[in-house]
Amino acid sequence: MSLFKRCLIMIVLGFLSIQVLSTEDKFHFDSAEKNALFLELTKELRCPKCQNQNIADSDAMIAVDLKRKVYELLQQDYDKEQVIAFMKKRYGDFVYYQPPVNPMTIWLWLLPVLFIFIALVGIIISRKRQAPEISQEQLDKAQAILEREQ
């Protein structure tokens, strides 16, 4: 490979690495506890746009804004519950991966249990219906076959 091609490859790779570094948000905290709390909160808060992704993993603009807001709140010495309460007040219960049990979310908790119960009842009922009924004639034939083999 010629020297020109090597230099061109190195320049392209250099530009790509600069782009990656420029898009990465860096949040610096005074203590390791706040940093750990920030990471925990960004994994527990849901991105309102992505709907099934936490804000730590999302690249959506609103997720970036939420991460910045979490950072700001932690810099103002908010604790975990206060940050979650702030986000719930602003975006609703949907933003938190562990929704509270209330009349609106009770179905999230009960439907899986209800589905399993109905499935088990259906399996039991279908098994009882399929109980084989063997007639006396079939029993006599089976007995005759057994006696011939002996």
N, C-alpha and C. Protein backbone atom coordinates (compact mmCIF):
# COMPACT_ATOMS: atom_id res chain seq x y z
N MET A 1 0.85 -1.17 0.00
CA MET A 1 0.00 0.00 0.00
C MET A 1 0.90 1.23 0.00
N SER A 2 0.54 2.19 -0.79
CA SER A 2 1.40 3.37 -0.91
C SER A 2 1.24 4.28 0.31
N LEU A 3 2.23 5.14 0.46
CA LEU A 3 2.24 6.07 1.58
C LEU A 3 1.05 7.03 1.50
N PHE A 4 0.66 7.43 0.31
CA PHE A 4 -0.47 8.32 0.13
C PHE A 4 -1.76 7.68 0.62
N LYS A 5 -1.99 6.40 0.29
CA LYS A 5 -3.21 5.71 0.72
C LYS A 5 -3.25 5.56 2.23
N ARG A 6 -2.11 5.26 2.82
CA ARG A 6 -2.05 5.13 4.28
C ARG A 6 -2.39 6.46 4.96
N CYS A 7 -1.83 7.53 4.46
CA CYS A 7 -2.11 8.86 5.03
C CYS A 7 -3.58 9.22 4.87
N LEU A 8 -4.16 8.90 3.71
CA LEU A 8 -5.57 9.19 3.47
C LEU A 8 -6.46 8.40 4.43
N ILE A 9 -6.14 7.14 4.65
CA ILE A 9 -6.91 6.32 5.59
C ILE A 9 -6.79 6.88 7.00
N MET A 10 -5.60 7.28 7.40
CA MET A 10 -5.41 7.83 8.75
C MET A 10 -6.19 9.13 8.93
N ILE A 11 -6.23 9.96 7.90
CA ILE A 11 -6.97 11.23 7.98
C ILE A 11 -8.47 10.96 8.11
N VAL A 12 -8.99 10.03 7.31
CA VAL A 12 -10.42 9.70 7.37
C VAL A 12 -10.77 9.13 8.74
N LEU A 13 -9.95 8.22 9.25
CA LEU A 13 -10.20 7.65 10.58
C LEU A 13 -10.11 8.72 11.66
N GLY A 14 -9.22 9.65 11.51
CA GLY A 14 -9.10 10.75 12.46
C GLY A 14 -10.35 11.61 12.49
N PHE A 15 -10.89 11.93 11.32
CA PHE A 15 -12.13 12.71 11.26
C PHE A 15 -13.30 11.96 11.88
N LEU A 16 -13.36 10.65 11.64
CA LEU A 16 -14.45 9.86 12.22
C LEU A 16 -14.35 9.81 13.74
N SER A 17 -13.14 9.68 14.27
CA SER A 17 -13.00 9.62 15.73
C SER A 17 -13.31 10.96 16.36
N ILE A 18 -12.98 12.07 15.70
CA ILE A 18 -13.31 13.39 16.23
C ILE A 18 -14.82 13.57 16.27
N GLN A 19 -15.51 13.08 15.25
CA GLN A 19 -16.97 13.20 15.22
C GLN A 19 -17.59 12.42 16.36
N VAL A 20 -17.09 11.25 16.66
CA VAL A 20 -17.62 10.44 17.76
C VAL A 20 -17.40 11.16 19.08
N LEU A 21 -16.22 11.71 19.28
CA LEU A 21 -15.95 12.41 20.52
C LEU A 21 -16.79 13.68 20.67
N SER A 22 -17.08 14.34 19.58
CA SER A 22 -17.84 15.59 19.66
C SER A 22 -19.31 15.35 19.98
N THR A 23 -19.86 14.17 19.67
CA THR A 23 -21.27 13.92 19.94
C THR A 23 -21.49 13.33 21.33
N GLU A 24 -20.44 12.93 22.01
CA GLU A 24 -20.59 12.30 23.32
C GLU A 24 -20.74 13.38 24.39
N ASP A 25 -21.81 13.27 25.18
CA ASP A 25 -22.00 14.21 26.28
C ASP A 25 -21.19 13.72 27.48
N LYS A 26 -20.54 14.64 28.10
CA LYS A 26 -19.77 14.30 29.29
C LYS A 26 -20.35 15.08 30.46
N PHE A 27 -20.73 14.35 31.46
CA PHE A 27 -21.28 14.96 32.67
C PHE A 27 -20.30 14.68 33.80
N HIS A 28 -19.80 15.72 34.40
CA HIS A 28 -18.81 15.58 35.46
C HIS A 28 -19.45 15.91 36.80
N PHE A 29 -19.22 15.05 37.77
CA PHE A 29 -19.79 15.23 39.10
C PHE A 29 -18.67 15.36 40.13
N ASP A 30 -19.03 15.97 41.27
CA ASP A 30 -18.06 16.16 42.35
C ASP A 30 -17.75 14.84 43.05
N SER A 31 -18.73 13.95 43.08
CA SER A 31 -18.53 12.70 43.81
C SER A 31 -18.93 11.50 42.95
N ALA A 32 -18.40 10.37 43.32
CA ALA A 32 -18.72 9.12 42.60
C ALA A 32 -20.17 8.71 42.88
N GLU A 33 -20.70 9.09 44.06
CA GLU A 33 -22.08 8.74 44.38
C GLU A 33 -23.06 9.43 43.44
N LYS A 34 -22.81 10.71 43.16
CA LYS A 34 -23.70 11.44 42.25
C LYS A 34 -23.59 10.89 40.83
N ASN A 35 -22.39 10.51 40.43
CA ASN A 35 -22.20 9.92 39.11
C ASN A 35 -22.96 8.59 39.02
N ALA A 36 -22.87 7.77 40.07
CA ALA A 36 -23.59 6.49 40.08
C ALA A 36 -25.10 6.73 40.07
N LEU A 37 -25.56 7.73 40.81
CA LEU A 37 -26.99 8.06 40.83
C LEU A 37 -27.45 8.55 39.46
N PHE A 38 -26.62 9.35 38.79
CA PHE A 38 -26.94 9.83 37.45
C PHE A 38 -27.10 8.65 36.49
N LEU A 39 -26.15 7.72 36.54
CA LEU A 39 -26.23 6.55 35.65
C LEU A 39 -27.46 5.70 35.96
N GLU A 40 -27.77 5.55 37.24
CA GLU A 40 -28.95 4.78 37.65
C GLU A 40 -30.23 5.44 37.16
N LEU A 41 -30.32 6.75 37.34
CA LEU A 41 -31.53 7.47 36.92
C LEU A 41 -31.71 7.45 35.40
N THR A 42 -30.62 7.61 34.66
CA THR A 42 -30.76 7.62 33.20
C THR A 42 -31.13 6.24 32.67
N LYS A 43 -30.89 5.20 33.44
CA LYS A 43 -31.32 3.86 33.03
C LYS A 43 -32.76 3.58 33.44
N GLU A 44 -33.26 4.29 34.46
CA GLU A 44 -34.61 4.07 34.95
C GLU A 44 -35.65 4.98 34.30
N LEU A 45 -35.20 6.05 33.67
CA LEU A 45 -36.14 6.98 33.04
C LEU A 45 -36.28 6.65 31.56
N ARG A 46 -37.52 6.61 31.11
CA ARG A 46 -37.84 6.21 29.73
C ARG A 46 -37.85 7.43 28.82
N CYS A 47 -37.36 7.23 27.61
CA CYS A 47 -37.39 8.29 26.60
C CYS A 47 -38.83 8.44 26.10
N PRO A 48 -39.41 9.63 26.19
CA PRO A 48 -40.80 9.81 25.73
C PRO A 48 -40.98 9.60 24.24
N LYS A 49 -39.94 9.80 23.46
CA LYS A 49 -40.06 9.64 22.02
C LYS A 49 -39.84 8.18 21.61
N CYS A 50 -38.84 7.53 22.17
CA CYS A 50 -38.48 6.16 21.77
C CYS A 50 -39.44 5.12 22.36
N GLN A 51 -40.01 5.39 23.49
CA GLN A 51 -41.05 4.63 24.16
C GLN A 51 -40.59 3.30 24.76
N ASN A 52 -39.55 2.68 24.25
CA ASN A 52 -39.11 1.44 24.88
C ASN A 52 -37.60 1.46 25.05
N GLN A 53 -37.08 2.64 25.34
CA GLN A 53 -35.65 2.80 25.50
C GLN A 53 -35.42 3.82 26.61
N ASN A 54 -34.43 3.56 27.44
CA ASN A 54 -34.16 4.52 28.49
C ASN A 54 -33.37 5.70 27.92
N ILE A 55 -33.27 6.76 28.69
CA ILE A 55 -32.61 7.96 28.17
C ILE A 55 -31.10 7.78 28.09
N ALA A 56 -30.56 6.82 28.79
CA ALA A 56 -29.12 6.56 28.70
C ALA A 56 -28.76 6.00 27.33
N ASP A 57 -29.63 5.20 26.75
CA ASP A 57 -29.35 4.54 25.48
C ASP A 57 -29.92 5.28 24.27
N SER A 58 -30.77 6.25 24.49
CA SER A 58 -31.44 6.93 23.39
C SER A 58 -30.61 8.09 22.86
N ASP A 59 -30.69 8.29 21.54
CA ASP A 59 -30.02 9.42 20.91
C ASP A 59 -31.01 10.52 20.53
N ALA A 60 -32.26 10.37 20.90
CA ALA A 60 -33.28 11.37 20.57
C ALA A 60 -32.96 12.68 21.30
N MET A 61 -33.34 13.77 20.69
CA MET A 61 -33.04 15.08 21.27
C MET A 61 -33.70 15.25 22.64
N ILE A 62 -34.90 14.72 22.80
CA ILE A 62 -35.57 14.87 24.10
C ILE A 62 -34.84 14.05 25.17
N ALA A 63 -34.25 12.93 24.78
CA ALA A 63 -33.48 12.13 25.75
C ALA A 63 -32.22 12.89 26.18
N VAL A 64 -31.60 13.55 25.24
CA VAL A 64 -30.43 14.37 25.57
C VAL A 64 -30.84 15.49 26.52
N ASP A 65 -31.98 16.13 26.25
CA ASP A 65 -32.48 17.18 27.15
C ASP A 65 -32.80 16.63 28.53
N LEU A 66 -33.39 15.44 28.58
CA LEU A 66 -33.70 14.83 29.88
C LEU A 66 -32.43 14.51 30.66
N LYS A 67 -31.41 14.03 29.97
CA LYS A 67 -30.13 13.76 30.65
C LYS A 67 -29.54 15.05 31.22
N ARG A 68 -29.62 16.11 30.44
CA ARG A 68 -29.11 17.40 30.93
C ARG A 68 -29.90 17.87 32.15
N LYS A 69 -31.23 17.67 32.10
CA LYS A 69 -32.06 18.10 33.23
C LYS A 69 -31.75 17.26 34.47
N VAL A 70 -31.55 15.95 34.29
CA VAL A 70 -31.17 15.10 35.43
C VAL A 70 -29.84 15.59 36.00
N TYR A 71 -28.91 15.91 35.13
CA TYR A 71 -27.61 16.44 35.57
C TYR A 71 -27.79 17.72 36.38
N GLU A 72 -28.61 18.65 35.85
CA GLU A 72 -28.86 19.91 36.56
C GLU A 72 -29.49 19.68 37.92
N LEU A 73 -30.47 18.80 37.97
CA LEU A 73 -31.15 18.53 39.24
C LEU A 73 -30.20 17.90 40.26
N LEU A 74 -29.35 17.02 39.79
CA LEU A 74 -28.37 16.41 40.71
C LEU A 74 -27.35 17.44 41.17
N GLN A 75 -27.00 18.39 40.32
CA GLN A 75 -26.09 19.45 40.72
C GLN A 75 -26.74 20.37 41.77
N GLN A 76 -28.08 20.42 41.77
CA GLN A 76 -28.82 21.20 42.76
C GLN A 76 -29.12 20.38 44.01
N ASP A 77 -28.47 19.24 44.14
CA ASP A 77 -28.58 18.33 45.30
C ASP A 77 -29.95 17.70 45.46
N TYR A 78 -30.64 17.45 44.36
CA TYR A 78 -31.87 16.67 44.42
C TYR A 78 -31.49 15.21 44.66
N ASP A 79 -32.34 14.49 45.39
CA ASP A 79 -32.08 13.06 45.54
C ASP A 79 -32.88 12.28 44.48
N LYS A 80 -32.75 10.97 44.50
CA LYS A 80 -33.36 10.13 43.46
C LYS A 80 -34.87 10.33 43.39
N GLU A 81 -35.54 10.30 44.53
CA GLU A 81 -36.99 10.44 44.55
C GLU A 81 -37.44 11.80 44.04
N GLN A 82 -36.70 12.84 44.37
CA GLN A 82 -37.06 14.19 43.91
C GLN A 82 -36.91 14.32 42.39
N VAL A 83 -35.85 13.72 41.84
CA VAL A 83 -35.65 13.77 40.38
C VAL A 83 -36.78 13.01 39.68
N ILE A 84 -37.11 11.82 40.20
CA ILE A 84 -38.18 11.02 39.59
C ILE A 84 -39.51 11.75 39.71
N ALA A 85 -39.77 12.37 40.86
CA ALA A 85 -41.02 13.12 41.04
C ALA A 85 -41.08 14.30 40.06
N PHE A 86 -39.96 14.99 39.87
CA PHE A 86 -39.93 16.10 38.91
C PHE A 86 -40.25 15.61 37.51
N MET A 87 -39.63 14.51 37.10
CA MET A 87 -39.85 13.98 35.74
C MET A 87 -41.28 13.47 35.57
N LYS A 88 -41.83 12.83 36.60
CA LYS A 88 -43.22 12.35 36.51
C LYS A 88 -44.18 13.53 36.42
N LYS A 89 -43.91 14.58 37.18
CA LYS A 89 -44.78 15.75 37.15
C LYS A 89 -44.76 16.39 35.76
N ARG A 90 -43.61 16.40 35.14
CA ARG A 90 -43.47 17.05 33.84
C ARG A 90 -43.92 16.17 32.68
N TYR A 91 -43.60 14.86 32.72
CA TYR A 91 -43.88 13.97 31.59
C TYR A 91 -44.91 12.88 31.89
N GLY A 92 -45.36 12.78 33.11
CA GLY A 92 -46.33 11.75 33.48
C GLY A 92 -45.65 10.47 33.96
N ASP A 93 -46.46 9.53 34.42
CA ASP A 93 -45.93 8.27 34.95
C ASP A 93 -45.21 7.44 33.89
N PHE A 94 -45.50 7.71 32.64
CA PHE A 94 -44.90 6.94 31.55
C PHE A 94 -43.38 7.05 31.53
N VAL A 95 -42.83 8.16 31.99
CA VAL A 95 -41.40 8.40 31.89
C VAL A 95 -40.60 7.50 32.83
N TYR A 96 -41.25 6.92 33.81
CA TYR A 96 -40.57 6.06 34.79
C TYR A 96 -40.89 4.61 34.47
N TYR A 97 -39.86 3.76 34.41
CA TYR A 97 -40.06 2.36 34.03
C TYR A 97 -40.83 1.55 35.06
N GLN A 98 -40.95 2.03 36.27
CA GLN A 98 -41.69 1.30 37.30
C GLN A 98 -42.93 2.10 37.68
N PRO A 99 -44.00 1.93 36.90
CA PRO A 99 -45.20 2.74 37.15
C PRO A 99 -45.85 2.37 38.47
N PRO A 100 -46.49 3.33 39.12
CA PRO A 100 -47.15 3.04 40.39
C PRO A 100 -48.43 2.24 40.15
N VAL A 101 -48.88 1.55 41.18
CA VAL A 101 -50.14 0.82 41.09
C VAL A 101 -51.26 1.80 41.44
N ASN A 102 -52.07 2.11 40.44
CA ASN A 102 -53.23 2.98 40.64
C ASN A 102 -54.31 2.51 39.68
N PRO A 103 -55.49 3.10 39.70
CA PRO A 103 -56.56 2.62 38.81
C PRO A 103 -56.20 2.62 37.32
N MET A 104 -55.31 3.51 36.92
CA MET A 104 -54.93 3.55 35.50
C MET A 104 -53.92 2.47 35.13
N THR A 105 -53.06 2.09 36.08
CA THR A 105 -51.99 1.15 35.75
C THR A 105 -52.22 -0.25 36.32
N ILE A 106 -53.33 -0.45 37.00
CA ILE A 106 -53.58 -1.76 37.61
C ILE A 106 -53.62 -2.86 36.56
N TRP A 107 -54.07 -2.51 35.34
CA TRP A 107 -54.13 -3.52 34.28
C TRP A 107 -52.75 -3.96 33.83
N LEU A 108 -51.76 -3.10 33.96
CA LEU A 108 -50.39 -3.50 33.64
C LEU A 108 -49.93 -4.62 34.56
N TRP A 109 -50.43 -4.61 35.78
CA TRP A 109 -50.02 -5.61 36.76
C TRP A 109 -50.91 -6.85 36.70
N LEU A 110 -52.20 -6.66 36.43
CA LEU A 110 -53.13 -7.78 36.50
C LEU A 110 -53.27 -8.58 35.20
N LEU A 111 -53.14 -7.93 34.05
CA LEU A 111 -53.34 -8.65 32.79
C LEU A 111 -52.41 -9.84 32.59
N PRO A 112 -51.12 -9.75 32.88
CA PRO A 112 -50.29 -10.94 32.71
C PRO A 112 -50.72 -12.10 33.61
N VAL A 113 -51.06 -11.79 34.86
CA VAL A 113 -51.51 -12.84 35.78
C VAL A 113 -52.84 -13.42 35.31
N LEU A 114 -53.75 -12.56 34.88
CA LEU A 114 -55.04 -13.01 34.37
C LEU A 114 -54.86 -13.87 33.12
N PHE A 115 -53.99 -13.48 32.23
CA PHE A 115 -53.73 -14.26 31.02
C PHE A 115 -53.19 -15.65 31.36
N ILE A 116 -52.25 -15.73 32.29
CA ILE A 116 -51.69 -17.03 32.69
C ILE A 116 -52.78 -17.89 33.32
N PHE A 117 -53.61 -17.31 34.17
CA PHE A 117 -54.69 -18.05 34.81
C PHE A 117 -55.66 -18.61 33.77
N ILE A 118 -56.07 -17.78 32.83
CA ILE A 118 -57.01 -18.22 31.78
C ILE A 118 -56.37 -19.32 30.92
N ALA A 119 -55.08 -19.17 30.60
CA ALA A 119 -54.39 -20.19 29.80
C ALA A 119 -54.34 -21.52 30.55
N LEU A 120 -54.05 -21.49 31.84
CA LEU A 120 -54.00 -22.73 32.63
C LEU A 120 -55.36 -23.40 32.72
N VAL A 121 -56.40 -22.60 32.93
CA VAL A 121 -57.76 -23.15 32.98
C VAL A 121 -58.12 -23.78 31.64
N GLY A 122 -57.77 -23.11 30.55
CA GLY A 122 -58.05 -23.65 29.22
C GLY A 122 -57.32 -24.96 28.97
N ILE A 123 -56.08 -25.05 29.40
CA ILE A 123 -55.32 -26.29 29.23
C ILE A 123 -55.93 -27.41 30.06
N ILE A 124 -56.31 -27.13 31.28
CA ILE A 124 -56.90 -28.16 32.15
C ILE A 124 -58.23 -28.65 31.58
N ILE A 125 -59.06 -27.72 31.12
CA ILE A 125 -60.36 -28.11 30.57
C ILE A 125 -60.18 -28.93 29.30
N SER A 126 -59.27 -28.54 28.44
CA SER A 126 -59.07 -29.30 27.20
C SER A 126 -58.49 -30.68 27.48
N ARG A 127 -57.67 -30.82 28.49
CA ARG A 127 -57.12 -32.14 28.84
C ARG A 127 -58.21 -33.06 29.40
N LYS A 128 -59.12 -32.48 30.19
CA LYS A 128 -60.20 -33.31 30.74
C LYS A 128 -61.14 -33.78 29.64
N ARG A 129 -61.37 -32.97 28.65
CA ARG A 129 -62.25 -33.35 27.55
C ARG A 129 -61.64 -34.45 26.69
N GLN A 130 -60.33 -34.49 26.63
CA GLN A 130 -59.65 -35.44 25.77
C GLN A 130 -59.34 -36.76 26.48
N ALA A 131 -59.94 -36.97 27.61
CA ALA A 131 -59.69 -38.23 28.32
C ALA A 131 -60.14 -39.40 27.44
N PRO A 132 -59.23 -40.30 27.16
CA PRO A 132 -59.57 -41.39 26.24
C PRO A 132 -60.59 -42.35 26.88
N GLU A 133 -61.57 -42.68 26.10
CA GLU A 133 -62.56 -43.65 26.55
C GLU A 133 -62.30 -44.94 25.79
N ILE A 134 -61.97 -45.97 26.52
CA ILE A 134 -61.65 -47.25 25.90
C ILE A 134 -62.84 -48.19 26.13
N SER A 135 -63.33 -48.72 25.03
CA SER A 135 -64.48 -49.62 25.13
C SER A 135 -64.02 -51.02 25.55
N GLN A 136 -64.98 -51.81 25.96
CA GLN A 136 -64.67 -53.18 26.37
C GLN A 136 -64.12 -53.99 25.19
N GLU A 137 -64.62 -53.71 24.01
CA GLU A 137 -64.16 -54.41 22.80
C GLU A 137 -62.66 -54.14 22.56
N GLN A 138 -62.24 -52.89 22.74
CA GLN A 138 -60.83 -52.56 22.55
C GLN A 138 -59.96 -53.22 23.62
N LEU A 139 -60.48 -53.30 24.84
CA LEU A 139 -59.75 -53.97 25.90
C LEU A 139 -59.59 -55.47 25.60
N ASP A 140 -60.64 -56.08 25.08
CA ASP A 140 -60.57 -57.51 24.73
C ASP A 140 -59.55 -57.77 23.63
N LYS A 141 -59.51 -56.87 22.61
CA LYS A 141 -58.53 -57.02 21.52
C LYS A 141 -57.11 -56.90 22.06
N ALA A 142 -56.88 -55.92 22.95
CA ALA A 142 -55.55 -55.72 23.51
C ALA A 142 -55.14 -56.92 24.34
N GLN A 143 -56.09 -57.48 25.10
CA GLN A 143 -55.79 -58.66 25.92
C GLN A 143 -55.45 -59.85 25.03
N ALA A 144 -56.16 -59.99 23.91
CA ALA A 144 -55.89 -61.10 22.98
C ALA A 144 -54.51 -60.97 22.38
N ILE A 145 -54.10 -59.76 22.02
CA ILE A 145 -52.76 -59.54 21.46
C ILE A 145 -51.70 -59.87 22.48
N LEU A 146 -51.90 -59.47 23.72
CA LEU A 146 -50.94 -59.78 24.79
C LEU A 146 -50.83 -61.28 25.03
N GLU A 147 -51.94 -61.99 24.99
CA GLU A 147 -51.92 -63.42 25.22
C GLU A 147 -51.22 -64.16 24.07
N ARG A 148 -51.39 -63.70 22.83
CA ARG A 148 -50.71 -64.31 21.67
C ARG A 148 -49.20 -64.16 21.76
N GLU A 149 -48.73 -63.01 22.23
CA GLU A 149 -47.28 -62.77 22.31
C GLU A 149 -46.65 -63.58 23.41
N GLN A 150 -47.39 -63.96 24.40
CA GLN A 150 -46.80 -64.75 25.49
C GLN A 150 -46.85 -66.18 25.11
